[in-house]
N, C-alpha and C. Protein backbone atom coordinates (compact mmCIF):
# COMPACT_ATOMS: atom_id res chain seq x y z
N UNK A 1 17.94 11.05 3.35
CA UNK A 1 17.11 11.04 4.55
C UNK A 1 15.66 11.28 4.17
N UNK A 2 14.80 10.42 4.63
CA UNK A 2 13.36 10.59 4.40
C UNK A 2 12.83 11.48 5.51
N UNK A 3 12.14 12.54 5.11
CA UNK A 3 11.62 13.52 6.07
C UNK A 3 10.55 12.91 6.97
N UNK A 4 9.63 12.16 6.36
CA UNK A 4 8.52 11.58 7.11
C UNK A 4 9.00 10.42 7.99
N UNK A 5 8.19 10.10 8.98
CA UNK A 5 8.45 8.95 9.83
C UNK A 5 7.71 7.76 9.21
N UNK A 6 8.40 6.64 9.10
CA UNK A 6 7.82 5.45 8.48
C UNK A 6 7.23 4.56 9.58
N UNK A 7 5.94 4.25 9.45
CA UNK A 7 5.26 3.38 10.41
C UNK A 7 5.36 1.95 9.91
N UNK A 8 5.93 1.08 10.74
CA UNK A 8 6.10 -0.33 10.43
C UNK A 8 5.52 -1.17 11.56
N UNK A 9 5.46 -2.47 11.36
CA UNK A 9 4.87 -3.33 12.38
C UNK A 9 5.83 -3.72 13.49
N UNK A 10 7.08 -3.97 13.16
CA UNK A 10 7.98 -4.48 14.19
C UNK A 10 9.43 -4.13 13.99
N UNK A 11 10.25 -4.60 14.93
CA UNK A 11 11.68 -4.31 14.97
C UNK A 11 12.41 -4.79 13.72
N UNK A 12 12.04 -5.97 13.21
CA UNK A 12 12.70 -6.49 12.01
C UNK A 12 12.39 -5.64 10.79
N UNK A 13 11.18 -5.06 10.76
CA UNK A 13 10.82 -4.14 9.68
C UNK A 13 11.69 -2.89 9.75
N UNK A 14 11.91 -2.38 10.96
CA UNK A 14 12.76 -1.20 11.14
C UNK A 14 14.17 -1.48 10.61
N UNK A 15 14.69 -2.65 10.92
CA UNK A 15 16.03 -3.03 10.45
C UNK A 15 16.07 -3.04 8.92
N UNK A 16 15.03 -3.60 8.30
CA UNK A 16 14.98 -3.66 6.83
C UNK A 16 14.89 -2.26 6.23
N UNK A 17 14.12 -1.38 6.85
CA UNK A 17 13.99 0.00 6.37
C UNK A 17 15.34 0.70 6.45
N UNK A 18 16.02 0.55 7.57
CA UNK A 18 17.30 1.23 7.78
C UNK A 18 18.40 0.69 6.86
N UNK A 19 18.27 -0.56 6.40
CA UNK A 19 19.20 -1.09 5.39
C UNK A 19 18.99 -0.41 4.05
N UNK A 20 17.74 0.03 3.80
CA UNK A 20 17.38 0.58 2.49
C UNK A 20 17.53 2.10 2.42
N UNK A 21 17.15 2.80 3.50
CA UNK A 21 17.13 4.27 3.49
C UNK A 21 17.45 4.81 4.88
N UNK A 22 17.78 6.10 4.91
CA UNK A 22 17.98 6.78 6.18
C UNK A 22 16.63 7.34 6.60
N UNK A 23 15.99 6.69 7.57
CA UNK A 23 14.64 7.10 8.00
C UNK A 23 14.41 6.72 9.45
N UNK A 24 13.54 7.48 10.09
CA UNK A 24 13.07 7.14 11.43
C UNK A 24 11.80 6.32 11.30
N UNK A 25 11.58 5.43 12.27
CA UNK A 25 10.39 4.58 12.23
C UNK A 25 9.64 4.63 13.54
N UNK A 26 8.37 4.28 13.46
CA UNK A 26 7.55 3.99 14.64
C UNK A 26 7.04 2.57 14.43
N UNK A 27 7.21 1.73 15.43
CA UNK A 27 6.77 0.34 15.34
C UNK A 27 5.43 0.19 16.06
N UNK A 28 4.48 -0.44 15.39
CA UNK A 28 3.15 -0.62 15.99
C UNK A 28 3.11 -1.79 16.95
N UNK A 29 4.08 -2.69 16.84
CA UNK A 29 4.06 -3.87 17.70
C UNK A 29 3.02 -4.88 17.24
N UNK A 30 2.77 -4.92 15.95
CA UNK A 30 1.76 -5.83 15.41
C UNK A 30 0.48 -5.07 15.09
N UNK A 31 -0.61 -5.82 14.90
CA UNK A 31 -1.86 -5.19 14.44
C UNK A 31 -2.65 -4.53 15.55
N UNK A 32 -2.21 -4.70 16.80
CA UNK A 32 -2.87 -4.03 17.92
C UNK A 32 -2.22 -2.68 18.13
N UNK A 33 -2.94 -1.63 17.86
CA UNK A 33 -2.38 -0.29 18.02
C UNK A 33 -2.78 0.27 19.38
N UNK A 34 -1.81 0.51 20.24
CA UNK A 34 -2.12 1.08 21.56
C UNK A 34 -2.40 2.57 21.42
N UNK A 35 -3.02 3.15 22.43
CA UNK A 35 -3.28 4.59 22.44
C UNK A 35 -1.97 5.37 22.38
N UNK A 36 -0.95 4.88 23.08
CA UNK A 36 0.35 5.55 23.09
C UNK A 36 0.99 5.55 21.70
N UNK A 37 0.91 4.42 21.02
CA UNK A 37 1.47 4.33 19.67
C UNK A 37 0.72 5.26 18.72
N UNK A 38 -0.61 5.27 18.83
CA UNK A 38 -1.41 6.15 17.97
C UNK A 38 -1.08 7.61 18.25
N UNK A 39 -0.83 7.97 19.49
CA UNK A 39 -0.44 9.34 19.82
C UNK A 39 0.90 9.70 19.20
N UNK A 40 1.85 8.76 19.23
CA UNK A 40 3.15 8.99 18.60
C UNK A 40 2.98 9.22 17.10
N UNK A 41 2.13 8.41 16.48
CA UNK A 41 1.91 8.53 15.03
C UNK A 41 1.26 9.87 14.71
N UNK A 42 0.28 10.30 15.51
CA UNK A 42 -0.38 11.59 15.30
C UNK A 42 0.62 12.74 15.42
N UNK A 43 1.45 12.68 16.43
CA UNK A 43 2.46 13.73 16.64
C UNK A 43 3.46 13.75 15.47
N UNK A 44 3.91 12.58 15.06
CA UNK A 44 4.84 12.50 13.93
C UNK A 44 4.18 13.06 12.66
N UNK A 45 2.91 12.76 12.48
CA UNK A 45 2.20 13.26 11.29
C UNK A 45 2.11 14.80 11.32
N UNK A 46 1.82 15.35 12.47
CA UNK A 46 1.73 16.81 12.61
C UNK A 46 3.07 17.50 12.36
N UNK A 47 4.13 16.89 12.83
CA UNK A 47 5.45 17.53 12.78
C UNK A 47 6.26 17.24 11.52
N UNK A 48 6.16 15.98 11.04
CA UNK A 48 7.03 15.58 9.92
C UNK A 48 6.29 14.88 8.79
N UNK A 49 5.12 14.39 9.06
CA UNK A 49 4.41 13.55 8.10
C UNK A 49 4.68 12.09 8.39
N UNK A 50 3.81 11.23 7.91
CA UNK A 50 3.90 9.79 8.19
C UNK A 50 3.71 9.01 6.90
N UNK A 51 4.51 7.96 6.76
CA UNK A 51 4.36 7.00 5.67
C UNK A 51 4.08 5.64 6.31
N UNK A 52 3.00 5.01 5.90
CA UNK A 52 2.68 3.67 6.41
C UNK A 52 3.26 2.64 5.44
N UNK A 53 4.10 1.76 5.96
CA UNK A 53 4.68 0.67 5.17
C UNK A 53 4.55 -0.60 5.98
N UNK A 54 3.38 -1.24 5.85
CA UNK A 54 3.10 -2.46 6.61
C UNK A 54 3.13 -3.67 5.70
N UNK A 55 3.09 -4.84 6.30
CA UNK A 55 3.12 -6.09 5.55
C UNK A 55 1.91 -6.16 4.61
N UNK A 56 2.09 -6.79 3.44
CA UNK A 56 0.98 -6.93 2.49
C UNK A 56 0.08 -8.12 2.85
N UNK A 57 -0.50 -8.05 4.06
CA UNK A 57 -1.39 -9.10 4.53
C UNK A 57 -2.55 -8.49 5.30
N UNK A 58 -3.40 -9.32 5.87
CA UNK A 58 -4.59 -8.83 6.57
C UNK A 58 -4.23 -7.91 7.74
N UNK A 59 -3.26 -8.30 8.55
CA UNK A 59 -2.87 -7.49 9.71
C UNK A 59 -2.32 -6.13 9.27
N UNK A 60 -1.49 -6.13 8.22
CA UNK A 60 -0.94 -4.88 7.71
C UNK A 60 -2.02 -3.97 7.17
N UNK A 61 -3.00 -4.57 6.49
CA UNK A 61 -4.12 -3.79 5.96
C UNK A 61 -4.96 -3.22 7.08
N UNK A 62 -5.13 -3.99 8.14
CA UNK A 62 -5.91 -3.53 9.30
C UNK A 62 -5.24 -2.30 9.93
N UNK A 63 -3.92 -2.35 10.07
CA UNK A 63 -3.18 -1.21 10.62
C UNK A 63 -3.36 0.02 9.74
N UNK A 64 -3.21 -0.15 8.44
CA UNK A 64 -3.42 0.97 7.49
C UNK A 64 -4.78 1.61 7.69
N UNK A 65 -5.79 0.76 7.76
CA UNK A 65 -7.17 1.23 7.87
C UNK A 65 -7.39 2.03 9.16
N UNK A 66 -6.90 1.50 10.26
CA UNK A 66 -7.07 2.18 11.56
C UNK A 66 -6.37 3.55 11.53
N UNK A 67 -5.13 3.58 11.07
CA UNK A 67 -4.38 4.84 11.06
C UNK A 67 -5.02 5.84 10.09
N UNK A 68 -5.42 5.37 8.91
CA UNK A 68 -6.03 6.26 7.91
C UNK A 68 -7.32 6.88 8.41
N UNK A 69 -8.09 6.11 9.18
CA UNK A 69 -9.35 6.64 9.72
C UNK A 69 -9.08 7.69 10.80
N UNK A 70 -8.06 7.45 11.60
CA UNK A 70 -7.71 8.38 12.68
C UNK A 70 -6.97 9.62 12.19
N UNK A 71 -6.15 9.44 11.15
CA UNK A 71 -5.29 10.53 10.68
C UNK A 71 -5.41 10.66 9.16
N UNK A 72 -6.39 11.42 8.69
CA UNK A 72 -6.51 11.61 7.24
C UNK A 72 -5.26 12.29 6.68
N UNK A 73 -4.89 11.91 5.47
CA UNK A 73 -3.75 12.55 4.81
C UNK A 73 -2.43 11.85 5.00
N UNK A 74 -2.43 10.68 5.66
CA UNK A 74 -1.16 9.95 5.78
C UNK A 74 -0.79 9.40 4.42
N UNK A 75 0.49 9.14 4.25
CA UNK A 75 0.99 8.58 2.99
C UNK A 75 1.13 7.07 3.15
N UNK A 76 1.00 6.38 2.03
CA UNK A 76 1.09 4.92 2.01
C UNK A 76 2.14 4.47 1.01
N UNK A 77 2.92 3.48 1.40
CA UNK A 77 3.87 2.82 0.52
C UNK A 77 3.55 1.33 0.57
N UNK A 78 3.65 0.67 -0.57
CA UNK A 78 3.30 -0.75 -0.66
C UNK A 78 4.44 -1.54 -1.26
N UNK A 79 4.82 -2.64 -0.59
CA UNK A 79 5.71 -3.60 -1.24
C UNK A 79 4.82 -4.67 -1.87
N UNK A 80 5.30 -5.26 -2.93
CA UNK A 80 4.54 -6.32 -3.59
C UNK A 80 4.66 -7.60 -2.76
N UNK A 81 3.63 -8.43 -2.83
CA UNK A 81 3.61 -9.68 -2.06
C UNK A 81 4.85 -10.53 -2.34
N UNK A 82 5.20 -10.67 -3.63
CA UNK A 82 6.34 -11.52 -3.96
C UNK A 82 7.66 -10.93 -3.45
N UNK A 83 7.71 -9.61 -3.30
CA UNK A 83 8.93 -8.96 -2.79
C UNK A 83 9.08 -9.14 -1.28
N UNK A 84 7.97 -9.43 -0.61
CA UNK A 84 8.00 -9.59 0.84
C UNK A 84 7.95 -11.04 1.29
N UNK A 85 8.06 -11.97 0.36
CA UNK A 85 7.94 -13.39 0.69
C UNK A 85 9.32 -14.05 0.78
N UNK A 86 9.55 -14.76 1.89
CA UNK A 86 10.79 -15.51 2.06
C UNK A 86 10.51 -16.72 2.92
N UNK A 87 10.78 -17.88 2.39
CA UNK A 87 10.58 -19.14 3.11
C UNK A 87 9.18 -19.24 3.72
N UNK A 88 8.17 -18.84 2.96
CA UNK A 88 6.79 -18.92 3.43
C UNK A 88 6.36 -17.82 4.38
N UNK A 89 7.26 -16.90 4.69
CA UNK A 89 6.95 -15.80 5.60
C UNK A 89 6.78 -14.52 4.77
N UNK A 90 5.69 -13.80 5.02
CA UNK A 90 5.37 -12.59 4.27
C UNK A 90 5.54 -11.38 5.17
N UNK A 91 6.40 -10.44 4.75
CA UNK A 91 6.56 -9.23 5.55
C UNK A 91 7.58 -8.27 4.97
N UNK A 92 7.49 -7.03 5.43
CA UNK A 92 8.42 -5.97 5.02
C UNK A 92 9.85 -6.39 5.33
N UNK A 93 10.04 -7.09 6.44
CA UNK A 93 11.40 -7.48 6.85
C UNK A 93 12.09 -8.37 5.83
N UNK A 94 11.31 -9.00 4.93
CA UNK A 94 11.88 -9.88 3.91
C UNK A 94 12.19 -9.16 2.60
N UNK A 95 11.73 -7.93 2.46
CA UNK A 95 11.92 -7.19 1.21
C UNK A 95 13.36 -6.71 1.07
N UNK A 96 13.82 -6.68 -0.16
CA UNK A 96 15.17 -6.19 -0.44
C UNK A 96 15.21 -4.68 -0.26
N UNK A 97 16.39 -4.12 -0.05
CA UNK A 97 16.50 -2.65 0.02
C UNK A 97 15.94 -1.98 -1.24
N UNK A 98 16.16 -2.60 -2.40
CA UNK A 98 15.64 -2.02 -3.65
C UNK A 98 14.12 -1.99 -3.64
N UNK A 99 13.48 -3.06 -3.18
CA UNK A 99 12.01 -3.12 -3.13
C UNK A 99 11.47 -2.06 -2.17
N UNK A 100 12.14 -1.86 -1.05
CA UNK A 100 11.71 -0.85 -0.08
C UNK A 100 11.87 0.55 -0.67
N UNK A 101 13.00 0.80 -1.30
CA UNK A 101 13.21 2.12 -1.92
C UNK A 101 12.17 2.38 -3.02
N UNK A 102 11.86 1.34 -3.79
CA UNK A 102 10.86 1.48 -4.85
C UNK A 102 9.49 1.81 -4.23
N UNK A 103 9.12 1.11 -3.17
CA UNK A 103 7.84 1.38 -2.51
C UNK A 103 7.79 2.81 -1.97
N UNK A 104 8.89 3.26 -1.38
CA UNK A 104 8.92 4.61 -0.81
C UNK A 104 8.98 5.70 -1.87
N UNK A 105 9.32 5.33 -3.09
CA UNK A 105 9.35 6.31 -4.17
C UNK A 105 7.99 6.46 -4.85
N UNK A 106 7.06 5.58 -4.51
CA UNK A 106 5.73 5.58 -5.16
C UNK A 106 4.64 5.79 -4.12
N UNK A 107 4.73 6.85 -3.38
CA UNK A 107 3.79 7.11 -2.29
C UNK A 107 2.41 7.50 -2.80
N UNK A 108 1.42 7.12 -2.02
CA UNK A 108 0.02 7.52 -2.26
C UNK A 108 -0.48 8.16 -0.98
N UNK A 109 -1.26 9.22 -1.14
CA UNK A 109 -1.80 9.91 0.03
C UNK A 109 -3.29 9.64 0.13
N UNK A 110 -3.72 9.24 1.33
CA UNK A 110 -5.14 8.98 1.53
C UNK A 110 -5.88 10.31 1.63
N UNK A 111 -7.13 10.29 1.19
CA UNK A 111 -7.95 11.48 1.16
C UNK A 111 -9.07 11.35 2.17
N UNK A 112 -9.38 12.44 2.86
CA UNK A 112 -10.48 12.43 3.81
C UNK A 112 -11.80 12.53 3.04
N UNK A 113 -12.71 11.63 3.31
CA UNK A 113 -14.04 11.61 2.69
C UNK A 113 -13.96 11.63 1.16
N UNK A 114 -13.23 10.67 0.57
CA UNK A 114 -13.05 10.66 -0.89
C UNK A 114 -14.34 10.28 -1.62
N UNK A 115 -14.50 10.80 -2.80
CA UNK A 115 -15.63 10.45 -3.67
C UNK A 115 -15.10 9.54 -4.79
N UNK A 116 -15.83 8.48 -5.12
CA UNK A 116 -15.36 7.56 -6.17
C UNK A 116 -15.20 8.26 -7.52
N UNK A 117 -14.08 8.02 -8.14
CA UNK A 117 -13.83 8.48 -9.51
C UNK A 117 -14.08 7.31 -10.45
N UNK A 118 -13.55 6.15 -10.09
CA UNK A 118 -13.77 4.91 -10.82
C UNK A 118 -14.97 4.23 -10.16
N UNK A 119 -15.91 3.80 -10.95
CA UNK A 119 -17.11 3.16 -10.41
C UNK A 119 -16.93 1.63 -10.35
N UNK A 120 -17.64 0.99 -9.44
CA UNK A 120 -17.61 -0.46 -9.29
C UNK A 120 -17.96 -1.14 -10.63
N UNK A 121 -18.93 -0.57 -11.33
CA UNK A 121 -19.36 -1.12 -12.62
C UNK A 121 -18.21 -1.08 -13.63
N UNK A 122 -17.36 -0.06 -13.55
CA UNK A 122 -16.19 0.00 -14.44
C UNK A 122 -15.29 -1.21 -14.22
N UNK A 123 -15.10 -1.58 -12.96
CA UNK A 123 -14.25 -2.73 -12.64
C UNK A 123 -14.84 -4.02 -13.21
N UNK A 124 -16.16 -4.14 -13.09
CA UNK A 124 -16.85 -5.32 -13.62
C UNK A 124 -16.72 -5.35 -15.14
N UNK A 125 -17.03 -4.21 -15.78
CA UNK A 125 -16.98 -4.13 -17.25
C UNK A 125 -15.59 -4.44 -17.80
N UNK A 126 -14.55 -4.06 -17.07
CA UNK A 126 -13.17 -4.26 -17.54
C UNK A 126 -12.60 -5.63 -17.14
N UNK A 127 -13.40 -6.43 -16.44
CA UNK A 127 -12.95 -7.77 -16.07
C UNK A 127 -12.06 -7.82 -14.84
N UNK A 128 -12.09 -6.76 -14.03
CA UNK A 128 -11.29 -6.73 -12.80
C UNK A 128 -12.03 -7.36 -11.62
N UNK A 129 -13.30 -7.68 -11.84
CA UNK A 129 -14.13 -8.31 -10.83
C UNK A 129 -14.92 -9.44 -11.48
N UNK A 130 -14.92 -10.60 -10.84
CA UNK A 130 -15.79 -11.69 -11.26
C UNK A 130 -15.34 -12.55 -12.42
N UNK A 131 -14.21 -12.27 -13.01
CA UNK A 131 -13.73 -13.06 -14.14
C UNK A 131 -12.64 -14.04 -13.74
N UNK A 132 -12.30 -14.92 -14.68
CA UNK A 132 -11.26 -15.92 -14.42
C UNK A 132 -9.89 -15.28 -14.19
N UNK A 133 -9.62 -14.20 -14.89
CA UNK A 133 -8.32 -13.53 -14.79
C UNK A 133 -8.36 -12.27 -13.92
N UNK A 134 -9.49 -12.03 -13.24
CA UNK A 134 -9.66 -10.78 -12.48
C UNK A 134 -8.57 -10.57 -11.44
N UNK A 135 -8.24 -11.60 -10.70
CA UNK A 135 -7.24 -11.48 -9.64
C UNK A 135 -5.88 -11.11 -10.21
N UNK A 136 -5.50 -11.78 -11.29
CA UNK A 136 -4.21 -11.49 -11.93
C UNK A 136 -4.19 -10.07 -12.49
N UNK A 137 -5.28 -9.67 -13.11
CA UNK A 137 -5.38 -8.33 -13.69
C UNK A 137 -5.31 -7.26 -12.61
N UNK A 138 -6.02 -7.49 -11.48
CA UNK A 138 -5.95 -6.55 -10.35
C UNK A 138 -4.55 -6.49 -9.76
N UNK A 139 -3.90 -7.65 -9.67
CA UNK A 139 -2.54 -7.68 -9.14
C UNK A 139 -1.61 -6.83 -10.00
N UNK A 140 -1.70 -6.99 -11.32
CA UNK A 140 -0.86 -6.21 -12.24
C UNK A 140 -1.19 -4.73 -12.16
N UNK A 141 -2.48 -4.39 -12.15
CA UNK A 141 -2.89 -2.98 -12.04
C UNK A 141 -2.39 -2.38 -10.73
N UNK A 142 -2.55 -3.11 -9.64
CA UNK A 142 -2.10 -2.64 -8.34
C UNK A 142 -0.61 -2.38 -8.31
N UNK A 143 0.14 -3.24 -8.98
CA UNK A 143 1.59 -3.08 -9.05
C UNK A 143 1.95 -1.84 -9.86
N UNK A 144 1.31 -1.65 -11.00
CA UNK A 144 1.57 -0.50 -11.85
C UNK A 144 1.19 0.80 -11.15
N UNK A 145 0.06 0.80 -10.45
CA UNK A 145 -0.42 2.00 -9.75
C UNK A 145 0.31 2.24 -8.43
N UNK A 146 1.02 1.22 -7.94
CA UNK A 146 1.73 1.36 -6.66
C UNK A 146 0.81 1.30 -5.46
N UNK A 147 -0.33 0.56 -5.59
CA UNK A 147 -1.27 0.47 -4.47
C UNK A 147 -1.35 -0.95 -3.92
N UNK A 148 -0.50 -1.83 -4.40
CA UNK A 148 -0.43 -3.19 -3.86
C UNK A 148 -1.52 -4.10 -4.37
N UNK A 149 -1.41 -5.37 -4.01
CA UNK A 149 -2.37 -6.40 -4.40
C UNK A 149 -3.44 -6.52 -3.34
N UNK A 150 -4.69 -6.68 -3.77
CA UNK A 150 -5.78 -6.88 -2.83
C UNK A 150 -6.99 -7.47 -3.54
N UNK A 151 -7.99 -7.85 -2.76
CA UNK A 151 -9.21 -8.38 -3.36
C UNK A 151 -9.97 -7.25 -4.05
N UNK A 152 -11.04 -7.59 -4.75
CA UNK A 152 -11.76 -6.61 -5.57
C UNK A 152 -12.32 -5.45 -4.74
N UNK A 153 -12.92 -5.75 -3.61
CA UNK A 153 -13.51 -4.71 -2.77
C UNK A 153 -12.44 -3.75 -2.26
N UNK A 154 -11.31 -4.28 -1.81
CA UNK A 154 -10.22 -3.44 -1.31
C UNK A 154 -9.56 -2.66 -2.45
N UNK A 155 -9.46 -3.25 -3.62
CA UNK A 155 -8.90 -2.56 -4.79
C UNK A 155 -9.75 -1.33 -5.11
N UNK A 156 -11.06 -1.51 -5.14
CA UNK A 156 -11.99 -0.40 -5.38
C UNK A 156 -11.82 0.68 -4.30
N UNK A 157 -11.70 0.23 -3.06
CA UNK A 157 -11.52 1.17 -1.94
C UNK A 157 -10.22 1.97 -2.11
N UNK A 158 -9.13 1.31 -2.50
CA UNK A 158 -7.85 2.01 -2.67
C UNK A 158 -7.90 3.00 -3.85
N UNK A 159 -8.57 2.60 -4.93
CA UNK A 159 -8.72 3.53 -6.06
C UNK A 159 -9.41 4.80 -5.59
N UNK A 160 -10.42 4.65 -4.74
CA UNK A 160 -11.17 5.80 -4.22
C UNK A 160 -10.36 6.56 -3.18
N UNK A 161 -9.79 5.84 -2.21
CA UNK A 161 -9.03 6.46 -1.13
C UNK A 161 -7.89 7.32 -1.65
N UNK A 162 -7.20 6.83 -2.67
CA UNK A 162 -6.04 7.54 -3.21
C UNK A 162 -6.40 8.42 -4.41
N UNK A 163 -7.71 8.51 -4.70
CA UNK A 163 -8.21 9.37 -5.77
C UNK A 163 -7.44 9.17 -7.08
N UNK A 164 -7.34 7.90 -7.48
CA UNK A 164 -6.69 7.56 -8.74
C UNK A 164 -7.56 8.12 -9.88
N UNK A 165 -6.95 8.89 -10.76
CA UNK A 165 -7.71 9.49 -11.86
C UNK A 165 -8.10 8.41 -12.87
N UNK A 166 -9.15 8.71 -13.64
CA UNK A 166 -9.59 7.77 -14.66
C UNK A 166 -8.49 7.53 -15.69
N UNK A 167 -7.76 8.59 -16.04
CA UNK A 167 -6.68 8.48 -17.02
C UNK A 167 -5.58 7.56 -16.52
N UNK A 168 -5.16 7.76 -15.27
CA UNK A 168 -4.11 6.94 -14.69
C UNK A 168 -4.57 5.49 -14.57
N UNK A 169 -5.82 5.30 -14.17
CA UNK A 169 -6.39 3.97 -14.03
C UNK A 169 -6.43 3.24 -15.38
N UNK A 170 -6.94 3.91 -16.40
CA UNK A 170 -7.06 3.29 -17.73
C UNK A 170 -5.68 2.96 -18.29
N UNK A 171 -4.71 3.85 -18.12
CA UNK A 171 -3.35 3.58 -18.60
C UNK A 171 -2.77 2.35 -17.90
N UNK A 172 -2.99 2.24 -16.58
CA UNK A 172 -2.50 1.08 -15.83
C UNK A 172 -3.23 -0.19 -16.28
N UNK A 173 -4.53 -0.07 -16.47
CA UNK A 173 -5.33 -1.22 -16.92
C UNK A 173 -4.84 -1.73 -18.28
N UNK A 174 -4.63 -0.82 -19.22
CA UNK A 174 -4.19 -1.21 -20.55
C UNK A 174 -2.81 -1.88 -20.51
N UNK A 175 -1.92 -1.34 -19.70
CA UNK A 175 -0.59 -1.94 -19.55
C UNK A 175 -0.70 -3.33 -18.91
N UNK A 176 -1.53 -3.45 -17.87
CA UNK A 176 -1.72 -4.73 -17.20
C UNK A 176 -2.33 -5.75 -18.15
N UNK A 177 -3.27 -5.32 -18.96
CA UNK A 177 -3.92 -6.22 -19.92
C UNK A 177 -2.90 -6.74 -20.94
N UNK A 178 -2.02 -5.86 -21.41
CA UNK A 178 -0.97 -6.29 -22.34
C UNK A 178 -0.04 -7.30 -21.68
N UNK A 179 0.34 -7.02 -20.42
CA UNK A 179 1.22 -7.95 -19.70
C UNK A 179 0.56 -9.31 -19.54
N UNK A 180 -0.73 -9.31 -19.19
CA UNK A 180 -1.44 -10.58 -18.99
C UNK A 180 -1.57 -11.35 -20.31
N UNK A 181 -1.82 -10.64 -21.39
CA UNK A 181 -1.98 -11.28 -22.71
C UNK A 181 -0.66 -11.79 -23.27
N UNK A 182 0.44 -11.19 -22.83
CA UNK A 182 1.76 -11.62 -23.32
C UNK A 182 2.46 -12.53 -22.33
N UNK A 183 1.78 -12.84 -21.22
CA UNK A 183 2.36 -13.74 -20.22
C UNK A 183 3.59 -13.16 -19.53
N UNK A 184 3.66 -11.83 -19.45
CA UNK A 184 4.83 -11.17 -18.85
C UNK A 184 4.82 -11.34 -17.35
């Protein structure tokens, strides 16, 4: 049983979560968060804690951002894009129970008013921004760090939001670089 309440987008996501783990969910009903839904999420966070597990797309990211701004300290779980893809449809409801359990085992907690540990220039210097392989390298790093795939600006934001240490970041970068060089 997962102590925290898992925030998902819809009913099909709830079904997928319940196939994977014993957990309670709150459904946002898509990317539009009503005042009532936000109140439920705040109450759940106060009483049990909240884990956000939304689709790895623009709408899912928008929900994460809104909730994180309203409720600092929520936890985040990310499924990989390829794990949520089925017949051209991207979403948590398509992820296997194993992928959901893996995402829930690698939680990240957002920080209120975080200060950057990794600098934007570091990302440029390491080829995570502006290079031919930058997207692939960020995707691998995001997978290793458990923060999901995103564009360069969002990747930098997640590194800061989740206060990823320089040591953890460099270890993930080196592993990702090896994977990319070996075609893994």
